[in-house]
């Protein structure tokens, strides 16, 4: 459970992780992956795995996101990317889980997906993962283009 800053709501972390790990709407698959992932995480670390997962998610949580829009001018297509602020803590957690999942699925070093997910969570908790680097790169890219943020209503 992650407690929201603005509201006194708690975000159900287990449900969020299972929903992000689902394949083709199969919740059983997400639960199986989560169970294997948690067992391997407990074996590899002596610390509480819940706190470790929370720390990893918080360290890879972005504040901004890029919305890409395809603009058609005749036969040409151009993409316009506009930065936007993520107002909801729940959406931020979902975005960080997507970052972690995508990077864990791209890593081909381990045999199983849950093994690469454990490695990514451990690295993210120590601020040395690719998801944290991706978040920082996105933040820097958006803050470099501050002129787009002037139109955004905070």
N, C-alpha and C. Protein backbone atom coordinates (compact mmCIF):
# COMPACT_ATOMS: atom_id res chain seq x y z
N UNK A 1 0.83 -1.18 0.00
CA UNK A 1 0.00 0.00 0.00
C UNK A 1 0.88 1.25 0.00
N UNK A 2 0.60 2.13 -0.93
CA UNK A 2 1.28 3.41 -0.97
C UNK A 2 0.26 4.48 -0.62
N UNK A 3 0.60 5.33 0.33
CA UNK A 3 -0.33 6.35 0.77
C UNK A 3 -0.19 7.59 -0.11
N UNK A 4 -1.30 8.10 -0.57
CA UNK A 4 -1.32 9.28 -1.43
C UNK A 4 -1.01 10.52 -0.61
N UNK A 5 -0.33 11.47 -1.22
CA UNK A 5 0.05 12.69 -0.51
C UNK A 5 -1.15 13.64 -0.41
N UNK A 6 -1.85 13.85 -1.50
CA UNK A 6 -2.93 14.82 -1.52
C UNK A 6 -4.14 14.35 -0.73
N UNK A 7 -4.54 13.14 -0.95
CA UNK A 7 -5.73 12.60 -0.31
C UNK A 7 -5.31 11.51 0.67
N UNK A 8 -6.13 11.21 1.60
CA UNK A 8 -5.82 10.16 2.56
C UNK A 8 -6.25 8.80 2.02
N UNK A 9 -5.95 8.55 0.78
CA UNK A 9 -6.26 7.26 0.16
C UNK A 9 -5.00 6.44 0.06
N UNK A 10 -5.15 5.15 0.11
CA UNK A 10 -4.02 4.26 -0.11
C UNK A 10 -4.22 3.55 -1.43
N UNK A 11 -3.15 3.36 -2.14
CA UNK A 11 -3.18 2.70 -3.43
C UNK A 11 -2.88 1.22 -3.21
N UNK A 12 -3.78 0.35 -3.66
CA UNK A 12 -3.59 -1.09 -3.52
C UNK A 12 -2.53 -1.54 -4.51
N UNK A 13 -1.33 -1.77 -4.00
CA UNK A 13 -0.19 -2.05 -4.84
C UNK A 13 -0.29 -3.42 -5.50
N UNK A 14 -0.82 -4.40 -4.79
CA UNK A 14 -0.92 -5.75 -5.35
C UNK A 14 -1.82 -5.76 -6.57
N UNK A 15 -2.94 -5.09 -6.49
CA UNK A 15 -3.88 -5.05 -7.62
C UNK A 15 -3.26 -4.32 -8.80
N UNK A 16 -2.53 -3.24 -8.54
CA UNK A 16 -1.89 -2.49 -9.62
C UNK A 16 -0.84 -3.35 -10.33
N UNK A 17 -0.04 -4.08 -9.55
CA UNK A 17 1.00 -4.91 -10.15
C UNK A 17 0.39 -6.04 -10.95
N UNK A 18 -0.63 -6.69 -10.41
CA UNK A 18 -1.29 -7.79 -11.13
C UNK A 18 -1.91 -7.27 -12.43
N UNK A 19 -2.54 -6.11 -12.37
CA UNK A 19 -3.15 -5.55 -13.58
C UNK A 19 -2.11 -5.17 -14.63
N UNK A 20 -0.95 -4.73 -14.20
CA UNK A 20 0.08 -4.38 -15.18
C UNK A 20 0.76 -5.62 -15.75
N UNK A 21 0.75 -6.74 -15.01
CA UNK A 21 1.40 -7.96 -15.49
C UNK A 21 0.45 -8.89 -16.26
N UNK A 22 -0.83 -8.53 -16.32
CA UNK A 22 -1.79 -9.39 -17.02
C UNK A 22 -1.43 -9.52 -18.49
N UNK A 23 -1.69 -10.70 -19.03
CA UNK A 23 -1.47 -10.95 -20.45
C UNK A 23 -2.80 -11.37 -21.06
N UNK A 24 -3.27 -10.64 -22.03
CA UNK A 24 -4.53 -10.92 -22.74
C UNK A 24 -5.71 -10.98 -21.79
N UNK A 25 -5.71 -10.17 -20.76
CA UNK A 25 -6.83 -10.15 -19.82
C UNK A 25 -6.88 -11.32 -18.86
N UNK A 26 -5.84 -12.12 -18.82
CA UNK A 26 -5.79 -13.28 -17.91
C UNK A 26 -5.18 -12.84 -16.58
N UNK A 27 -6.04 -12.69 -15.59
CA UNK A 27 -5.56 -12.25 -14.28
C UNK A 27 -4.75 -13.35 -13.60
N UNK A 28 -5.04 -14.61 -13.90
CA UNK A 28 -4.28 -15.72 -13.33
C UNK A 28 -2.81 -15.63 -13.70
N UNK A 29 -2.55 -15.25 -14.94
CA UNK A 29 -1.18 -15.15 -15.40
C UNK A 29 -0.43 -14.08 -14.61
N UNK A 30 -1.06 -12.94 -14.41
CA UNK A 30 -0.44 -11.87 -13.64
C UNK A 30 -0.18 -12.28 -12.21
N UNK A 31 -1.13 -13.04 -11.61
CA UNK A 31 -0.94 -13.49 -10.23
C UNK A 31 0.18 -14.51 -10.13
N UNK A 32 0.32 -15.40 -11.12
CA UNK A 32 1.40 -16.39 -11.11
C UNK A 32 2.76 -15.71 -11.22
N UNK A 33 2.84 -14.74 -12.12
CA UNK A 33 4.10 -14.02 -12.27
C UNK A 33 4.44 -13.27 -10.99
N UNK A 34 3.43 -12.65 -10.37
CA UNK A 34 3.65 -11.91 -9.12
C UNK A 34 4.12 -12.86 -8.02
N UNK A 35 3.54 -14.03 -7.92
CA UNK A 35 3.92 -14.99 -6.88
C UNK A 35 5.36 -15.45 -7.06
N UNK A 36 5.74 -15.81 -8.28
CA UNK A 36 7.12 -16.23 -8.54
C UNK A 36 8.10 -15.09 -8.30
N UNK A 37 7.70 -13.91 -8.72
CA UNK A 37 8.53 -12.73 -8.54
C UNK A 37 8.78 -12.44 -7.06
N UNK A 38 7.73 -12.52 -6.24
CA UNK A 38 7.86 -12.22 -4.80
C UNK A 38 8.71 -13.28 -4.11
N UNK A 39 8.52 -14.55 -4.47
CA UNK A 39 9.33 -15.61 -3.86
C UNK A 39 10.81 -15.42 -4.17
N UNK A 40 11.12 -15.11 -5.42
CA UNK A 40 12.52 -14.91 -5.79
C UNK A 40 13.09 -13.66 -5.13
N UNK A 41 12.27 -12.63 -4.99
CA UNK A 41 12.72 -11.40 -4.34
C UNK A 41 13.00 -11.63 -2.85
N UNK A 42 12.17 -12.44 -2.20
CA UNK A 42 12.39 -12.76 -0.78
C UNK A 42 13.66 -13.57 -0.59
N UNK A 43 13.93 -14.49 -1.51
CA UNK A 43 15.14 -15.30 -1.40
C UNK A 43 16.40 -14.47 -1.61
N UNK A 44 16.32 -13.46 -2.49
CA UNK A 44 17.52 -12.71 -2.82
C UNK A 44 17.83 -11.60 -1.81
N UNK A 45 16.83 -11.13 -1.06
CA UNK A 45 17.06 -10.03 -0.12
C UNK A 45 16.59 -10.42 1.28
N UNK A 46 17.25 -9.87 2.28
CA UNK A 46 16.84 -10.10 3.66
C UNK A 46 15.82 -9.06 4.13
N UNK A 47 15.71 -7.96 3.39
CA UNK A 47 14.79 -6.88 3.77
C UNK A 47 13.35 -7.27 3.45
N UNK A 48 12.44 -6.48 3.95
CA UNK A 48 11.03 -6.68 3.67
C UNK A 48 10.78 -6.37 2.19
N UNK A 49 10.21 -7.33 1.46
CA UNK A 49 10.05 -7.16 0.03
C UNK A 49 9.01 -6.09 -0.32
N UNK A 50 8.04 -5.87 0.56
CA UNK A 50 7.03 -4.84 0.28
C UNK A 50 7.65 -3.45 0.28
N UNK A 51 8.50 -3.20 1.26
CA UNK A 51 9.18 -1.90 1.31
C UNK A 51 10.12 -1.72 0.13
N UNK A 52 10.74 -2.82 -0.30
CA UNK A 52 11.66 -2.76 -1.43
C UNK A 52 10.91 -2.43 -2.72
N UNK A 53 9.74 -3.04 -2.91
CA UNK A 53 8.93 -2.77 -4.11
C UNK A 53 8.43 -1.33 -4.08
N UNK A 54 7.99 -0.86 -2.92
CA UNK A 54 7.54 0.53 -2.80
C UNK A 54 8.65 1.51 -3.12
N UNK A 55 9.83 1.24 -2.62
CA UNK A 55 10.97 2.11 -2.87
C UNK A 55 11.32 2.13 -4.35
N UNK A 56 11.26 0.97 -5.00
CA UNK A 56 11.56 0.90 -6.43
C UNK A 56 10.52 1.66 -7.26
N UNK A 57 9.27 1.54 -6.88
CA UNK A 57 8.21 2.23 -7.63
C UNK A 57 8.30 3.74 -7.42
N UNK A 58 8.57 4.16 -6.20
CA UNK A 58 8.67 5.59 -5.92
C UNK A 58 9.88 6.20 -6.64
N UNK A 59 10.98 5.46 -6.73
CA UNK A 59 12.16 6.02 -7.39
C UNK A 59 12.01 6.10 -8.90
N UNK A 60 11.11 5.32 -9.49
CA UNK A 60 10.93 5.36 -10.94
C UNK A 60 9.61 6.01 -11.35
N UNK A 61 8.98 6.75 -10.43
CA UNK A 61 7.70 7.39 -10.72
C UNK A 61 7.93 8.73 -11.40
N UNK A 62 7.39 8.91 -12.62
CA UNK A 62 7.55 10.18 -13.32
C UNK A 62 6.53 11.22 -12.88
N UNK A 63 6.86 12.48 -13.06
CA UNK A 63 5.95 13.57 -12.75
C UNK A 63 5.25 14.06 -14.02
N UNK A 64 5.94 13.93 -15.14
CA UNK A 64 5.41 14.38 -16.42
C UNK A 64 5.31 13.20 -17.38
N UNK A 65 4.53 13.39 -18.43
CA UNK A 65 4.49 12.41 -19.52
C UNK A 65 4.40 13.16 -20.83
N UNK A 66 4.79 12.50 -21.91
CA UNK A 66 4.71 13.10 -23.22
C UNK A 66 3.52 12.52 -23.97
N UNK A 67 2.64 13.38 -24.42
CA UNK A 67 1.52 12.96 -25.25
C UNK A 67 1.92 13.20 -26.70
N UNK A 68 1.88 12.14 -27.50
CA UNK A 68 2.24 12.28 -28.90
C UNK A 68 0.98 12.29 -29.74
N UNK A 69 0.92 13.25 -30.65
CA UNK A 69 -0.25 13.43 -31.48
C UNK A 69 0.20 13.42 -32.95
N UNK A 70 -0.48 12.62 -33.78
CA UNK A 70 -0.14 12.55 -35.19
C UNK A 70 -0.94 13.62 -35.93
N UNK A 71 -0.22 14.45 -36.67
CA UNK A 71 -0.85 15.52 -37.43
C UNK A 71 -0.65 15.22 -38.92
N UNK A 72 -1.77 15.17 -39.66
CA UNK A 72 -1.70 14.90 -41.09
C UNK A 72 -1.85 16.19 -41.86
N UNK A 73 -0.89 16.44 -42.75
CA UNK A 73 -0.95 17.58 -43.65
C UNK A 73 -0.79 17.03 -45.06
N UNK A 74 -1.90 16.80 -45.70
CA UNK A 74 -1.85 16.22 -47.03
C UNK A 74 -1.37 14.78 -46.94
N UNK A 75 -0.27 14.48 -47.63
CA UNK A 75 0.27 13.12 -47.59
C UNK A 75 1.31 12.94 -46.48
N UNK A 76 1.73 14.05 -45.89
CA UNK A 76 2.75 13.95 -44.85
C UNK A 76 2.12 13.74 -43.48
N UNK A 77 2.83 13.01 -42.66
CA UNK A 77 2.41 12.83 -41.27
C UNK A 77 3.54 13.33 -40.38
N UNK A 78 3.16 14.06 -39.38
CA UNK A 78 4.14 14.56 -38.41
C UNK A 78 3.61 14.28 -37.01
N UNK A 79 4.51 14.00 -36.09
CA UNK A 79 4.10 13.76 -34.71
C UNK A 79 4.48 14.97 -33.87
N UNK A 80 3.55 15.39 -33.09
CA UNK A 80 3.77 16.53 -32.19
C UNK A 80 3.68 16.00 -30.76
N UNK A 81 4.72 16.21 -30.00
CA UNK A 81 4.72 15.73 -28.63
C UNK A 81 4.57 16.92 -27.69
N UNK A 82 3.59 16.82 -26.81
CA UNK A 82 3.36 17.88 -25.84
C UNK A 82 3.48 17.29 -24.43
N UNK A 83 4.21 17.96 -23.57
CA UNK A 83 4.34 17.46 -22.20
C UNK A 83 3.09 17.76 -21.39
N UNK A 84 2.78 16.86 -20.48
CA UNK A 84 1.66 17.10 -19.58
C UNK A 84 2.02 16.59 -18.20
N UNK A 85 1.44 17.21 -17.22
CA UNK A 85 1.66 16.86 -15.82
C UNK A 85 0.73 15.72 -15.44
N UNK A 86 1.22 14.75 -14.69
CA UNK A 86 0.38 13.64 -14.23
C UNK A 86 -0.17 14.03 -12.87
N UNK A 87 -1.45 14.37 -12.78
CA UNK A 87 -1.99 14.92 -11.54
C UNK A 87 -2.29 13.89 -10.47
N UNK A 88 -2.52 12.66 -10.85
CA UNK A 88 -3.02 11.64 -9.95
C UNK A 88 -1.89 10.72 -9.50
N UNK A 89 -1.81 10.42 -8.21
CA UNK A 89 -0.78 9.51 -7.72
C UNK A 89 -0.96 8.10 -8.26
N UNK A 90 -2.20 7.71 -8.44
CA UNK A 90 -2.50 6.38 -8.97
C UNK A 90 -1.97 6.24 -10.40
N UNK A 91 -2.12 7.28 -11.21
CA UNK A 91 -1.61 7.25 -12.58
C UNK A 91 -0.08 7.26 -12.61
N UNK A 92 0.52 7.94 -11.65
CA UNK A 92 1.98 7.94 -11.57
C UNK A 92 2.52 6.55 -11.26
N UNK A 93 1.87 5.86 -10.34
CA UNK A 93 2.29 4.50 -9.99
C UNK A 93 2.11 3.59 -11.19
N UNK A 94 1.01 3.75 -11.92
CA UNK A 94 0.77 2.93 -13.11
C UNK A 94 1.85 3.18 -14.16
N UNK A 95 2.24 4.44 -14.36
CA UNK A 95 3.30 4.74 -15.32
C UNK A 95 4.64 4.16 -14.89
N UNK A 96 4.95 4.21 -13.62
CA UNK A 96 6.23 3.64 -13.17
C UNK A 96 6.23 2.12 -13.32
N UNK A 97 5.09 1.47 -13.08
CA UNK A 97 5.01 0.03 -13.30
C UNK A 97 5.17 -0.32 -14.77
N UNK A 98 4.65 0.52 -15.65
CA UNK A 98 4.84 0.31 -17.09
C UNK A 98 6.30 0.44 -17.47
N UNK A 99 6.99 1.45 -16.92
CA UNK A 99 8.42 1.62 -17.19
C UNK A 99 9.18 0.37 -16.77
N UNK A 100 8.93 -0.09 -15.55
CA UNK A 100 9.65 -1.25 -15.02
C UNK A 100 9.34 -2.49 -15.84
N UNK A 101 8.07 -2.69 -16.18
CA UNK A 101 7.68 -3.88 -16.95
C UNK A 101 8.30 -3.88 -18.34
N UNK A 102 8.28 -2.74 -19.01
CA UNK A 102 8.84 -2.67 -20.36
C UNK A 102 10.34 -2.93 -20.36
N UNK A 103 11.04 -2.39 -19.41
CA UNK A 103 12.49 -2.60 -19.36
C UNK A 103 12.82 -4.02 -18.96
N UNK A 104 12.02 -4.61 -18.06
CA UNK A 104 12.26 -6.00 -17.67
C UNK A 104 11.97 -6.95 -18.82
N UNK A 105 10.99 -6.63 -19.66
CA UNK A 105 10.69 -7.50 -20.79
C UNK A 105 11.73 -7.36 -21.89
N UNK A 106 12.41 -6.22 -21.98
CA UNK A 106 13.44 -6.03 -23.00
C UNK A 106 14.76 -6.71 -22.63
N UNK A 107 15.01 -6.90 -21.33
CA UNK A 107 16.26 -7.53 -20.90
C UNK A 107 16.24 -9.00 -21.24
N UNK A 108 17.24 -9.43 -22.02
CA UNK A 108 17.30 -10.83 -22.45
C UNK A 108 18.33 -11.62 -21.65
N UNK A 109 18.92 -11.04 -20.62
CA UNK A 109 19.98 -11.71 -19.86
C UNK A 109 19.50 -12.89 -19.05
N UNK A 110 18.26 -12.86 -18.56
CA UNK A 110 17.78 -13.96 -17.74
C UNK A 110 16.81 -14.81 -18.54
N UNK A 111 16.54 -16.01 -18.04
CA UNK A 111 15.71 -16.94 -18.77
C UNK A 111 14.23 -16.63 -18.62
N UNK A 112 13.80 -16.21 -17.44
CA UNK A 112 12.38 -15.96 -17.19
C UNK A 112 12.13 -14.47 -16.98
N UNK A 113 10.89 -14.07 -17.25
CA UNK A 113 10.50 -12.67 -17.11
C UNK A 113 10.58 -12.22 -15.66
N UNK A 114 10.14 -13.08 -14.73
CA UNK A 114 10.12 -12.66 -13.33
C UNK A 114 11.52 -12.49 -12.77
N UNK A 115 12.51 -13.20 -13.33
CA UNK A 115 13.90 -13.01 -12.89
C UNK A 115 14.42 -11.63 -13.31
N UNK A 116 14.11 -11.25 -14.53
CA UNK A 116 14.54 -9.92 -14.97
C UNK A 116 13.76 -8.83 -14.24
N UNK A 117 12.52 -9.13 -13.85
CA UNK A 117 11.73 -8.17 -13.07
C UNK A 117 12.33 -7.96 -11.68
N UNK A 118 12.83 -9.03 -11.07
CA UNK A 118 13.49 -8.93 -9.77
C UNK A 118 14.76 -8.09 -9.88
N UNK A 119 15.54 -8.34 -10.94
CA UNK A 119 16.77 -7.56 -11.13
C UNK A 119 16.46 -6.08 -11.33
N UNK A 120 15.41 -5.79 -12.07
CA UNK A 120 15.03 -4.40 -12.33
C UNK A 120 14.53 -3.72 -11.05
N UNK A 121 13.75 -4.43 -10.24
CA UNK A 121 13.26 -3.87 -8.98
C UNK A 121 14.42 -3.59 -8.02
N UNK A 122 15.35 -4.53 -7.92
CA UNK A 122 16.50 -4.33 -7.04
C UNK A 122 17.35 -3.15 -7.50
N UNK A 123 17.57 -3.06 -8.80
CA UNK A 123 18.37 -1.95 -9.32
C UNK A 123 17.63 -0.62 -9.16
N UNK A 124 16.33 -0.65 -9.35
CA UNK A 124 15.54 0.58 -9.21
C UNK A 124 15.48 1.04 -7.76
N UNK A 125 15.49 0.12 -6.83
CA UNK A 125 15.49 0.49 -5.42
C UNK A 125 16.81 1.16 -5.03
N UNK A 126 17.89 0.81 -5.73
CA UNK A 126 19.19 1.42 -5.47
C UNK A 126 19.50 2.56 -6.43
N UNK A 127 18.48 3.02 -7.20
CA UNK A 127 18.58 4.15 -8.14
C UNK A 127 19.59 3.92 -9.24
N UNK A 128 19.77 2.66 -9.67
CA UNK A 128 20.75 2.35 -10.71
C UNK A 128 20.13 1.63 -11.90
N UNK A 129 18.83 1.69 -12.05
CA UNK A 129 18.18 0.93 -13.12
C UNK A 129 17.93 1.78 -14.35
N UNK A 130 17.53 1.10 -15.42
CA UNK A 130 17.23 1.79 -16.66
C UNK A 130 15.91 2.56 -16.55
N UNK A 131 14.99 2.08 -15.71
CA UNK A 131 13.71 2.79 -15.57
C UNK A 131 13.91 4.15 -14.88
N UNK A 132 14.81 4.22 -13.92
CA UNK A 132 15.12 5.49 -13.26
C UNK A 132 15.82 6.43 -14.24
N UNK A 133 16.72 5.86 -15.07
CA UNK A 133 17.39 6.67 -16.08
C UNK A 133 16.39 7.20 -17.10
N UNK A 134 15.44 6.37 -17.48
CA UNK A 134 14.41 6.78 -18.44
C UNK A 134 13.54 7.89 -17.86
N UNK A 135 13.20 7.77 -16.58
CA UNK A 135 12.41 8.80 -15.92
C UNK A 135 13.18 10.12 -15.87
N UNK A 136 14.44 10.08 -15.49
CA UNK A 136 15.26 11.29 -15.41
C UNK A 136 15.45 11.93 -16.78
N UNK A 137 15.63 11.10 -17.81
CA UNK A 137 15.78 11.61 -19.16
C UNK A 137 14.50 12.31 -19.62
N UNK A 138 13.35 11.73 -19.31
CA UNK A 138 12.07 12.31 -19.67
C UNK A 138 11.86 13.64 -18.94
N UNK A 139 12.19 13.68 -17.66
CA UNK A 139 12.05 14.91 -16.88
C UNK A 139 12.94 16.02 -17.45
N UNK A 140 14.18 15.67 -17.77
CA UNK A 140 15.10 16.67 -18.31
C UNK A 140 14.64 17.17 -19.66
N UNK A 141 14.14 16.26 -20.49
CA UNK A 141 13.65 16.64 -21.82
C UNK A 141 12.47 17.61 -21.71
N UNK A 142 11.58 17.36 -20.78
CA UNK A 142 10.41 18.22 -20.63
C UNK A 142 10.79 19.56 -20.02
N UNK A 143 11.66 19.54 -19.04
CA UNK A 143 12.05 20.80 -18.40
C UNK A 143 12.92 21.67 -19.30
N UNK A 144 13.58 21.07 -20.31
CA UNK A 144 14.33 21.85 -21.28
C UNK A 144 13.38 22.65 -22.17
N UNK A 145 12.20 22.10 -22.43
CA UNK A 145 11.20 22.76 -23.26
C UNK A 145 10.13 23.37 -22.36
N UNK A 146 10.51 24.32 -21.53
CA UNK A 146 9.57 24.91 -20.59
C UNK A 146 8.51 25.76 -21.28
N UNK A 147 8.74 26.15 -22.51
CA UNK A 147 7.77 27.00 -23.19
C UNK A 147 6.45 26.27 -23.41
N UNK A 148 6.48 24.94 -23.49
CA UNK A 148 5.25 24.19 -23.64
C UNK A 148 4.48 24.12 -22.32
N UNK A 149 5.19 24.20 -21.22
CA UNK A 149 4.53 24.11 -19.92
C UNK A 149 3.80 25.39 -19.55
N UNK A 150 4.07 26.49 -20.23
CA UNK A 150 3.39 27.75 -19.90
C UNK A 150 1.91 27.69 -20.26
N UNK A 151 1.55 26.85 -21.22
CA UNK A 151 0.13 26.74 -21.61
C UNK A 151 -0.64 25.78 -20.72
N UNK A 152 0.09 25.03 -19.91
CA UNK A 152 -0.56 24.03 -19.09
C UNK A 152 -1.11 24.67 -17.82
N UNK A 153 -2.33 24.28 -17.45
CA UNK A 153 -2.95 24.82 -16.24
C UNK A 153 -2.61 23.93 -15.06
N UNK A 154 -1.96 24.47 -14.07
CA UNK A 154 -1.60 23.71 -12.87
C UNK A 154 -2.76 23.76 -11.97
